[in-house]
């Protein structure tokens, strides 16, 4: 939200707890616990704005018209507005529309005791852009989940920024305690010296919350806009063996010139170049993603998170970079699919982040998987594209850095299988891998 020019305005925080989501007598989402936790967070931190603010708590409401009245009052505030909703999404069986279940809502009383989701959008529609944030921590019941999958999203209003998660039915909840997503959102507010932007808070919370499989994470990649700037660079290219260790360590990648970012490599799909350590992506216009800490340096105002993620990794904050990358990868997976070019791009980024962090076992696995996915392309020249060769080279480099024989033996056969599928790869690379794996097996058998 913008802080400029709001000194004389009032803000509003509206916290709404709907009905608890329960499965087999186990509470999946406890809205009251979530509201209680948010209630002790300073309002300026919630609103990200130091102006006078009104706060409204609605916990246990049974009348949707009462909720509508509070929502209408909050929407009329001239300053920034945060609307938080937690609870269970359900469907009116007569008209097939989504509702937020309130206290006492049953399958047969949805029309009279639940809040129609469209009311939220109607009330927020007239607000100026940039002043409204909707935060969601919801679970969908069996009636609502197919509708959400059909929609692919859960919009609130074109003028509002919407962040949050909607868990599928059937997951095992954590009981009458604060939901993991809301808890991690609050933890990030408390632990960050400088208040992060909502988009970064959301990405960090979603990445750390261990969300159930299939959870709808908002905003989706399509709503964020397809990132236009690539991670920009190539994985390390294997060279001759060095004298250290087992004789099969390959030279690390040469740093790229940040002033001259590489152009994307185009193959069978219009995909960007595969990632490497030291290149810098050009930002595109969009909402700012500021750093969580002031010592991380300025982050460009960009919709593309990759420059920020790369900056975290370059400064040694590898865990934060990995969490952010995994969260953004989930957006892309949900929107574009597992083997889509967009998903493979993020798999490449995660592979190189693992390499930068020194986790060569994970980096080998991820680079190998990238090569397998790209190799599965149905185009006739899939095995000869620069993207496949680069992924194989990255996997081979990281594999040669593995010092643990057991891990190297485990990853070796899959990697060699990939190398054998690439006719244009330098023959010495395959021979190097086969010789090293044979040597590792011999060493292992002697012990």
Protein backbone atom coordinates (compact mmCIF):
# COMPACT_ATOMS: atom_id res chain seq x y z
CA UNK A 1 0.00 0.00 0.00
CA UNK A 2 1.08 3.54 -0.58
CA UNK A 3 2.00 5.73 2.39
CA UNK A 4 2.27 9.01 0.49
CA UNK A 5 -0.54 11.50 0.92
CA UNK A 6 -2.44 9.45 3.50
CA UNK A 7 -1.51 11.42 6.60
CA UNK A 8 -4.98 12.96 6.95
CA UNK A 9 -6.88 9.81 6.01
CA UNK A 10 -8.07 6.91 8.12
CA UNK A 11 -7.39 3.28 7.45
CA UNK A 12 -9.38 0.22 8.38
CA UNK A 13 -8.60 -3.38 9.31
CA UNK A 14 -11.53 -5.78 9.05
CA UNK A 15 -10.95 -9.28 10.45
CA UNK A 16 -13.67 -11.85 9.72
CA UNK A 17 -13.78 -15.35 11.18
CA UNK A 18 -16.25 -17.63 9.46
CA UNK A 19 -17.20 -21.16 10.40
CA UNK A 20 -14.44 -23.63 11.26
CA UNK A 21 -13.50 -26.23 8.69
CA UNK A 22 -13.86 -29.66 10.30
CA UNK A 23 -13.12 -33.14 8.99
CA UNK A 24 -13.92 -36.25 11.00
CA UNK A 25 -14.20 -34.14 14.15
CA UNK A 26 -10.73 -32.71 13.55
CA UNK A 27 -10.49 -28.95 13.02
CA UNK A 28 -8.69 -28.12 9.78
CA UNK A 29 -8.93 -24.33 9.97
CA UNK A 30 -9.72 -22.55 13.25
CA UNK A 31 -10.79 -18.99 12.27
CA UNK A 32 -11.17 -17.79 15.86
CA UNK A 33 -7.58 -18.78 16.68
CA UNK A 34 -6.38 -16.95 13.58
CA UNK A 35 -8.21 -13.77 14.56
CA UNK A 36 -6.88 -13.95 18.11
CA UNK A 37 -3.31 -14.20 16.78
CA UNK A 38 -3.78 -11.30 14.36
CA UNK A 39 -5.41 -9.26 17.11
CA UNK A 40 -2.12 -8.91 19.02
CA UNK A 41 -0.18 -7.73 15.95
CA UNK A 42 0.17 -3.91 15.91
CA UNK A 43 -2.27 -2.42 13.43
CA UNK A 44 0.43 -0.33 11.66
CA UNK A 45 2.25 -3.59 10.89
CA UNK A 46 -0.91 -5.21 9.54
CA UNK A 47 -1.84 -2.19 7.45
CA UNK A 48 1.72 -1.20 6.54
CA UNK A 49 0.81 2.41 7.18
CA UNK A 50 1.31 4.85 10.08
CA UNK A 51 -2.06 6.62 10.06
CA UNK A 52 -5.11 6.54 12.34
CA UNK A 53 -6.95 3.29 11.83
CA UNK A 54 -10.19 1.60 12.84
CA UNK A 55 -10.25 -2.12 13.56
CA UNK A 56 -13.29 -4.39 13.37
CA UNK A 57 -13.38 -7.99 14.60
CA UNK A 58 -16.19 -10.28 13.48
CA UNK A 59 -15.92 -13.62 15.24
CA UNK A 60 -18.92 -15.89 15.53
CA UNK A 61 -21.24 -13.82 13.33
CA UNK A 62 -24.32 -15.70 12.15
CA UNK A 63 -26.07 -13.06 10.05
CA UNK A 64 -24.59 -12.41 6.59
CA UNK A 65 -26.30 -9.00 6.52
CA UNK A 66 -24.36 -7.96 9.63
CA UNK A 67 -21.13 -8.97 7.93
CA UNK A 68 -22.20 -7.07 4.82
CA UNK A 69 -22.82 -3.94 6.87
CA UNK A 70 -19.35 -4.12 8.45
CA UNK A 71 -17.82 -4.79 5.06
CA UNK A 72 -19.62 -1.81 3.54
CA UNK A 73 -18.43 0.45 6.35
CA UNK A 74 -14.86 -0.73 5.92
CA UNK A 75 -15.00 -0.27 2.14
CA UNK A 76 -16.09 3.34 2.61
CA UNK A 77 -12.89 4.25 4.47
CA UNK A 78 -10.85 6.80 2.49
CA UNK A 79 -7.48 5.31 3.37
CA UNK A 80 -5.88 1.87 3.09
CA UNK A 81 -7.96 -1.20 3.90
CA UNK A 82 -7.03 -4.73 4.93
CA UNK A 83 -9.76 -7.38 4.88
CA UNK A 84 -8.81 -10.74 6.41
CA UNK A 85 -11.12 -13.74 6.01
CA UNK A 86 -10.64 -17.17 7.50
CA UNK A 87 -12.94 -20.16 7.55
CA UNK A 88 -14.76 -22.57 5.26
CA UNK A 89 -15.85 -22.03 1.68
CA UNK A 90 -19.04 -23.77 0.65
CA UNK A 91 -21.66 -23.64 -2.11
CA UNK A 92 -25.34 -22.84 -2.20
CA UNK A 93 -26.81 -25.98 -3.75
CA UNK A 94 -29.65 -24.03 -5.38
CA UNK A 95 -27.66 -21.45 -7.33
CA UNK A 96 -24.21 -23.07 -7.31
CA UNK A 97 -22.43 -19.96 -5.99
CA UNK A 98 -19.56 -19.77 -3.51
CA UNK A 99 -20.20 -18.61 0.06
CA UNK A 100 -18.12 -18.09 3.18
CA UNK A 101 -19.78 -20.24 5.81
CA UNK A 102 -20.58 -18.35 9.02
CA UNK A 103 -21.19 -19.75 12.50
CA UNK A 104 -24.02 -22.24 12.34
CA UNK A 105 -24.05 -22.63 8.53
CA UNK A 106 -25.14 -26.08 7.37
CA UNK A 107 -25.41 -27.58 3.90
CA UNK A 108 -29.11 -26.79 3.82
CA UNK A 109 -28.91 -23.24 5.20
CA UNK A 110 -26.12 -21.75 3.07
CA UNK A 111 -28.42 -19.30 1.29
CA UNK A 112 -29.60 -17.77 4.57
CA UNK A 113 -26.64 -18.12 6.94
CA UNK A 114 -23.49 -17.74 4.78
CA UNK A 115 -21.86 -14.73 3.12
CA UNK A 116 -22.06 -14.82 -0.71
CA UNK A 117 -18.52 -14.43 -2.03
CA UNK A 118 -19.68 -12.03 -4.73
CA UNK A 119 -20.72 -9.54 -2.02
CA UNK A 120 -17.05 -9.04 -1.20
CA UNK A 121 -16.23 -8.04 -4.76
CA UNK A 122 -19.29 -5.82 -5.04
CA UNK A 123 -18.40 -3.80 -1.96
CA UNK A 124 -14.71 -3.43 -2.83
CA UNK A 125 -15.18 -2.72 -6.52
CA UNK A 126 -15.49 1.04 -6.15
CA UNK A 127 -12.33 1.54 -4.11
CA UNK A 128 -9.27 3.19 -5.66
CA UNK A 129 -6.59 0.82 -6.90
CA UNK A 130 -3.64 0.31 -4.59
CA UNK A 131 -5.47 0.91 -1.29
CA UNK A 132 -7.08 -2.50 -0.68
CA UNK A 133 -5.58 -5.80 0.42
CA UNK A 134 -7.56 -8.99 0.91
CA UNK A 135 -5.84 -11.73 2.91
CA UNK A 136 -7.34 -15.24 2.89
CA UNK A 137 -6.76 -18.36 4.96
CA UNK A 138 -9.54 -20.69 3.91
CA UNK A 139 -10.48 -24.32 3.37
CA UNK A 140 -12.98 -25.50 0.77
CA UNK A 141 -15.49 -28.22 1.48
CA UNK A 142 -16.34 -31.01 -0.97
CA UNK A 143 -19.04 -28.92 -2.63
CA UNK A 144 -16.86 -25.86 -3.15
CA UNK A 145 -13.61 -27.49 -4.25
CA UNK A 146 -14.72 -28.55 -7.78
CA UNK A 147 -15.97 -25.03 -8.41
CA UNK A 148 -12.65 -23.55 -7.30
CA UNK A 149 -10.78 -25.92 -9.61
CA UNK A 150 -13.02 -24.81 -12.46
CA UNK A 151 -12.37 -21.14 -11.70
CA UNK A 152 -8.67 -21.70 -11.09
CA UNK A 153 -8.68 -18.74 -8.69
CA UNK A 154 -10.73 -16.91 -6.08
CA UNK A 155 -11.01 -13.26 -7.15
CA UNK A 156 -12.24 -10.60 -4.76
CA UNK A 157 -12.12 -7.35 -6.73
CA UNK A 158 -10.05 -5.97 -9.62
CA UNK A 159 -9.02 -3.05 -7.40
CA UNK A 160 -7.77 -5.27 -4.55
CA UNK A 161 -4.54 -7.17 -4.03
CA UNK A 162 -5.54 -10.70 -3.02
CA UNK A 163 -3.13 -12.98 -1.15
CA UNK A 164 -3.77 -16.23 0.61
CA UNK A 165 -4.42 -19.94 0.43
CA UNK A 166 -7.45 -22.17 0.01
CA UNK A 167 -6.81 -25.71 1.21
CA UNK A 168 -8.61 -28.64 -0.41
CA UNK A 169 -11.09 -30.83 1.46
CA UNK A 170 -9.80 -33.88 3.25
CA UNK A 171 -6.46 -32.64 4.53
CA UNK A 172 -5.41 -33.25 8.11
CA UNK A 173 -5.69 -30.01 10.04
CA UNK A 174 -3.72 -28.85 13.05
CA UNK A 175 -6.63 -28.54 15.47
CA UNK A 176 -7.76 -25.44 17.35
CA UNK A 177 -4.55 -23.52 16.80
CA UNK A 178 -3.41 -20.84 14.39
CA UNK A 179 -3.26 -22.01 10.77
CA UNK A 180 0.25 -22.48 9.41
CA UNK A 181 -0.13 -19.89 6.66
CA UNK A 182 -1.42 -17.18 9.03
CA UNK A 183 1.17 -18.10 11.65
CA UNK A 184 4.04 -17.75 9.19
CA UNK A 185 2.61 -14.46 7.91
CA UNK A 186 2.65 -13.14 11.49
CA UNK A 187 6.12 -14.60 12.13
CA UNK A 188 7.52 -12.76 9.12
CA UNK A 189 6.00 -9.48 10.36
CA UNK A 190 7.63 -9.95 13.75
CA UNK A 191 11.03 -11.16 12.59
CA UNK A 192 11.71 -8.70 9.76
CA UNK A 193 13.52 -5.50 10.85
CA UNK A 194 11.82 -3.66 7.97
CA UNK A 195 8.20 -4.46 7.16
CA UNK A 196 8.23 -6.50 3.90
CA UNK A 197 5.74 -5.86 1.12
CA UNK A 198 2.60 -7.99 1.20
CA UNK A 199 3.68 -9.94 -1.86
CA UNK A 200 6.94 -10.94 -0.19
CA UNK A 201 5.19 -11.75 3.09
CA UNK A 202 2.81 -13.98 1.20
CA UNK A 203 5.55 -15.78 -0.72
CA UNK A 204 7.58 -16.39 2.44
CA UNK A 205 4.53 -17.58 4.39
CA UNK A 206 3.30 -19.89 1.63
CA UNK A 207 6.78 -21.30 1.11
CA UNK A 208 7.28 -22.08 4.81
CA UNK A 209 3.79 -23.29 5.70
CA UNK A 210 4.04 -26.89 4.37
CA UNK A 211 0.68 -26.50 2.66
CA UNK A 212 -1.40 -29.58 1.80
CA UNK A 213 -0.93 -30.92 -1.75
CA UNK A 214 -3.18 -29.18 -4.24
CA UNK A 215 -3.67 -26.04 -2.15
CA UNK A 216 -4.84 -23.07 -4.22
CA UNK A 217 -2.24 -20.33 -3.67
CA UNK A 218 -3.34 -16.79 -4.52
CA UNK A 219 -2.45 -14.88 -6.54
CA UNK A 220 -1.84 -17.42 -9.27
CA UNK A 221 0.94 -16.99 -11.78
CA UNK A 222 -1.53 -15.77 -14.39
CA UNK A 223 -2.82 -13.09 -12.04
CA UNK A 224 0.69 -11.98 -11.19
CA UNK A 225 1.52 -11.73 -14.86
CA UNK A 226 3.98 -13.97 -16.66
CA UNK A 227 7.50 -12.85 -15.69
CA UNK A 228 9.16 -11.35 -18.71
CA UNK A 229 12.77 -11.21 -17.54
CA UNK A 230 14.71 -14.50 -17.46
CA UNK A 231 17.05 -15.56 -14.68
CA UNK A 232 19.61 -15.01 -17.44
CA UNK A 233 22.71 -17.15 -17.71
CA UNK A 234 23.75 -20.71 -18.39
CA UNK A 235 24.72 -23.59 -16.09
CA UNK A 236 28.38 -24.52 -15.79
CA UNK A 237 29.92 -26.21 -18.80
CA UNK A 238 32.00 -29.27 -17.91
CA UNK A 239 35.68 -29.18 -18.73
CA UNK A 240 38.70 -31.36 -18.05
CA UNK A 241 39.18 -33.14 -14.77
CA UNK A 242 41.23 -31.38 -12.13
CA UNK A 243 43.78 -32.90 -9.78
CA UNK A 244 41.74 -32.45 -6.60
CA UNK A 245 39.57 -35.04 -4.86
CA UNK A 246 38.85 -38.07 -7.06
CA UNK A 247 40.17 -36.50 -10.25
CA UNK A 248 36.70 -35.79 -11.65
CA UNK A 249 35.91 -32.34 -10.32
CA UNK A 250 34.97 -29.90 -13.05
CA UNK A 251 35.76 -26.17 -13.07
CA UNK A 252 33.05 -23.88 -11.64
CA UNK A 253 31.15 -21.55 -13.97
CA UNK A 254 32.74 -18.29 -14.98
CA UNK A 255 30.90 -15.22 -13.65
CA UNK A 256 28.80 -13.39 -16.19
CA UNK A 257 29.09 -9.67 -16.80
CA UNK A 258 26.13 -8.08 -14.94
CA UNK A 259 26.21 -5.11 -17.29
CA UNK A 260 25.59 -7.33 -20.30
CA UNK A 261 22.85 -9.88 -19.54
CA UNK A 262 22.58 -12.77 -21.94
CA UNK A 263 19.75 -13.08 -24.40
CA UNK A 264 17.32 -15.95 -23.88
CA UNK A 265 18.10 -19.15 -25.77
CA UNK A 266 15.14 -20.17 -27.89
CA UNK A 267 14.43 -23.78 -28.68
CA UNK A 268 11.32 -25.81 -29.33
CA UNK A 269 9.46 -23.63 -26.81
CA UNK A 270 9.89 -19.88 -26.25
CA UNK A 271 11.72 -20.44 -22.95
CA UNK A 272 14.35 -18.22 -21.33
CA UNK A 273 17.96 -19.18 -20.88
CA UNK A 274 18.73 -21.62 -18.10
CA UNK A 275 20.02 -20.13 -14.84
CA UNK A 276 23.51 -19.67 -13.50
CA UNK A 277 25.12 -17.96 -10.59
CA UNK A 278 26.18 -14.45 -11.40
CA UNK A 279 23.93 -12.94 -14.05
CA UNK A 280 21.40 -10.18 -13.37
CA UNK A 281 17.85 -10.09 -14.73
CA UNK A 282 16.32 -6.91 -16.03
CA UNK A 283 13.23 -5.92 -14.01
CA UNK A 284 9.82 -5.29 -15.52
CA UNK A 285 7.22 -2.84 -14.30
CA UNK A 286 4.98 -3.98 -11.47
CA UNK A 287 4.54 -3.91 -7.69
CA UNK A 288 7.67 -3.57 -5.58
CA UNK A 289 9.22 -6.57 -3.87
CA UNK A 290 11.39 -4.90 -1.21
CA UNK A 291 13.95 -6.71 0.88
CA UNK A 292 12.95 -8.09 4.27
CA UNK A 293 16.17 -6.65 5.71
CA UNK A 294 17.72 -3.25 5.12
CA UNK A 295 21.22 -4.69 4.67
CA UNK A 296 20.22 -6.60 1.56
CA UNK A 297 20.41 -3.53 -0.66
CA UNK A 298 17.78 -1.90 -2.80
CA UNK A 299 15.44 -4.16 -4.73
CA UNK A 300 14.06 -2.82 -8.01
CA UNK A 301 10.35 -2.17 -8.27
CA UNK A 302 9.54 -5.27 -10.26
CA UNK A 303 6.82 -7.81 -10.76
CA UNK A 304 9.53 -10.35 -11.56
CA UNK A 305 10.87 -11.86 -8.28
CA UNK A 306 14.00 -13.38 -9.81
CA UNK A 307 16.36 -10.43 -9.30
CA UNK A 308 15.37 -10.34 -5.63
CA UNK A 309 15.76 -14.11 -5.24
CA UNK A 310 19.16 -14.00 -6.92
CA UNK A 311 20.18 -11.14 -4.64
CA UNK A 312 19.26 -13.18 -1.57
CA UNK A 313 21.28 -16.15 -2.77
CA UNK A 314 24.26 -13.99 -3.73
CA UNK A 315 24.32 -12.48 -0.24
CA UNK A 316 24.34 -15.92 1.38
CA UNK A 317 20.68 -16.04 2.40
CA UNK A 318 20.14 -19.35 0.63
CA UNK A 319 17.23 -20.64 2.72
CA UNK A 320 15.17 -17.50 2.07
CA UNK A 321 15.97 -17.64 -1.64
CA UNK A 322 14.93 -21.30 -1.81
CA UNK A 323 11.67 -20.64 0.06
CA UNK A 324 10.74 -17.80 -2.29
CA UNK A 325 11.60 -19.83 -5.38
CA UNK A 326 9.52 -22.78 -4.19
CA UNK A 327 6.54 -20.53 -3.47
CA UNK A 328 6.65 -18.93 -6.91
CA UNK A 329 7.14 -22.33 -8.52
CA UNK A 330 3.86 -23.43 -6.95
CA UNK A 331 2.03 -20.55 -8.65
CA UNK A 332 3.37 -21.65 -12.00
CA UNK A 333 2.65 -25.34 -11.45
CA UNK A 334 -0.98 -24.63 -10.58
CA UNK A 335 -1.50 -22.38 -13.58
CA UNK A 336 0.60 -23.84 -16.38
CA UNK A 337 1.15 -27.48 -15.45
CA UNK A 338 4.00 -29.72 -14.36
CA UNK A 339 5.90 -29.98 -17.65
CA UNK A 340 5.16 -26.49 -18.97
CA UNK A 341 8.06 -24.27 -20.10
CA UNK A 342 7.24 -21.87 -17.26
CA UNK A 343 7.45 -24.65 -14.66
CA UNK A 344 10.74 -25.94 -16.10
CA UNK A 345 12.18 -22.42 -15.91
CA UNK A 346 11.52 -22.36 -12.14
CA UNK A 347 12.92 -25.88 -11.76
CA UNK A 348 16.11 -24.58 -13.37
CA UNK A 349 16.20 -21.64 -10.97
CA UNK A 350 15.82 -23.96 -7.98
CA UNK A 351 18.60 -26.17 -9.37
CA UNK A 352 21.01 -23.29 -9.60
CA UNK A 353 20.02 -21.97 -6.18
CA UNK A 354 20.90 -25.40 -4.77
CA UNK A 355 24.27 -25.22 -6.53
CA UNK A 356 24.94 -21.75 -5.14
CA UNK A 357 24.10 -23.04 -1.65
CA UNK A 358 26.50 -25.97 -2.05
CA UNK A 359 23.71 -28.56 -2.01
CA UNK A 360 25.12 -30.49 -4.96
CA UNK A 361 22.99 -33.55 -4.32
CA UNK A 362 19.76 -31.60 -4.77
CA UNK A 363 21.24 -29.57 -7.62
CA UNK A 364 22.17 -32.76 -9.47
CA UNK A 365 18.69 -34.18 -9.02
CA UNK A 366 16.98 -30.99 -10.19
CA UNK A 367 19.23 -30.42 -13.21
CA UNK A 368 18.78 -34.05 -14.23
CA UNK A 369 15.03 -33.71 -13.92
CA UNK A 370 15.14 -30.57 -16.06
CA UNK A 371 16.99 -32.47 -18.76
CA UNK A 372 14.52 -35.36 -18.62
CA UNK A 373 11.52 -33.05 -18.94
CA UNK A 374 13.05 -31.12 -21.83
CA UNK A 375 14.12 -34.38 -23.48
CA UNK A 376 10.53 -35.63 -23.31
CA UNK A 377 9.57 -32.89 -25.76
CA UNK A 378 7.93 -34.46 -28.80
CA UNK A 379 9.82 -32.31 -31.28
CA UNK A 380 12.29 -34.24 -33.48
CA UNK A 381 15.32 -32.22 -32.35
CA UNK A 382 14.54 -32.22 -28.61
CA UNK A 383 17.71 -34.16 -27.77
CA UNK A 384 19.87 -31.64 -29.60
CA UNK A 385 18.56 -28.35 -28.20
CA UNK A 386 20.84 -26.00 -26.24
CA UNK A 387 18.47 -26.18 -23.27
CA UNK A 388 18.78 -29.97 -22.93
CA UNK A 389 22.56 -29.91 -23.36
CA UNK A 390 22.88 -27.11 -20.80
CA UNK A 391 20.76 -28.99 -18.26
CA UNK A 392 22.84 -32.13 -18.73
CA UNK A 393 26.05 -30.13 -18.35
CA UNK A 394 24.75 -28.53 -15.16
CA UNK A 395 23.77 -31.93 -13.74
CA UNK A 396 27.16 -33.41 -14.59
CA UNK A 397 29.04 -30.51 -13.04
CA UNK A 398 27.07 -30.71 -9.78
CA UNK A 399 27.43 -34.51 -9.69
CA UNK A 400 31.21 -34.24 -9.88
CA UNK A 401 31.14 -31.95 -6.83
CA UNK A 402 29.46 -34.62 -4.68
CA UNK A 403 31.97 -35.79 -2.09
CA UNK A 404 29.69 -38.37 -0.48
CA UNK A 405 30.16 -41.63 -2.44
CA UNK A 406 26.71 -42.98 -1.53
CA UNK A 407 24.97 -39.88 -2.86
CA UNK A 408 27.07 -39.88 -6.03
CA UNK A 409 26.40 -43.59 -6.65
CA UNK A 410 22.67 -43.02 -6.15
CA UNK A 411 22.48 -40.13 -8.63
CA UNK A 412 24.96 -41.48 -11.16
CA UNK A 413 22.88 -44.01 -13.16
CA UNK A 414 20.02 -41.56 -13.82
CA UNK A 415 22.48 -38.89 -14.93
CA UNK A 416 24.33 -41.30 -17.21
CA UNK A 417 21.02 -42.39 -18.69
CA UNK A 418 20.33 -38.77 -19.58
CA UNK A 419 23.80 -38.25 -21.09
CA UNK A 420 23.39 -41.32 -23.31
CA UNK A 421 20.27 -39.75 -24.84
CA UNK A 422 22.19 -36.70 -26.10
CA UNK A 423 24.00 -37.50 -29.34
CA UNK A 424 25.54 -34.04 -29.70
CA UNK A 425 27.03 -33.93 -26.20
CA UNK A 426 30.81 -34.14 -26.08
CA UNK A 427 31.66 -37.88 -25.79
CA UNK A 428 34.20 -37.17 -23.08
CA UNK A 429 31.46 -36.10 -20.69
CA UNK A 430 29.71 -39.46 -20.87
CA UNK A 431 33.01 -41.31 -20.55
CA UNK A 432 33.93 -39.16 -17.55
CA UNK A 433 30.65 -39.97 -15.80
CA UNK A 434 30.85 -43.70 -16.54
CA UNK A 435 34.47 -43.89 -15.37
CA UNK A 436 33.75 -41.99 -12.16
CA UNK A 437 30.71 -44.15 -11.35
CA UNK A 438 32.79 -47.29 -11.96
CA UNK A 439 35.49 -45.94 -9.68
CA UNK A 440 32.94 -45.08 -6.97
CA UNK A 441 31.46 -48.58 -7.12
CA UNK A 442 34.93 -50.06 -6.79
CA UNK A 443 35.76 -47.88 -3.81
CA UNK A 444 32.43 -48.73 -2.18
CA UNK A 445 32.90 -52.48 -2.63
CA UNK A 446 36.33 -52.38 -1.01
CA UNK A 447 34.83 -50.83 2.10
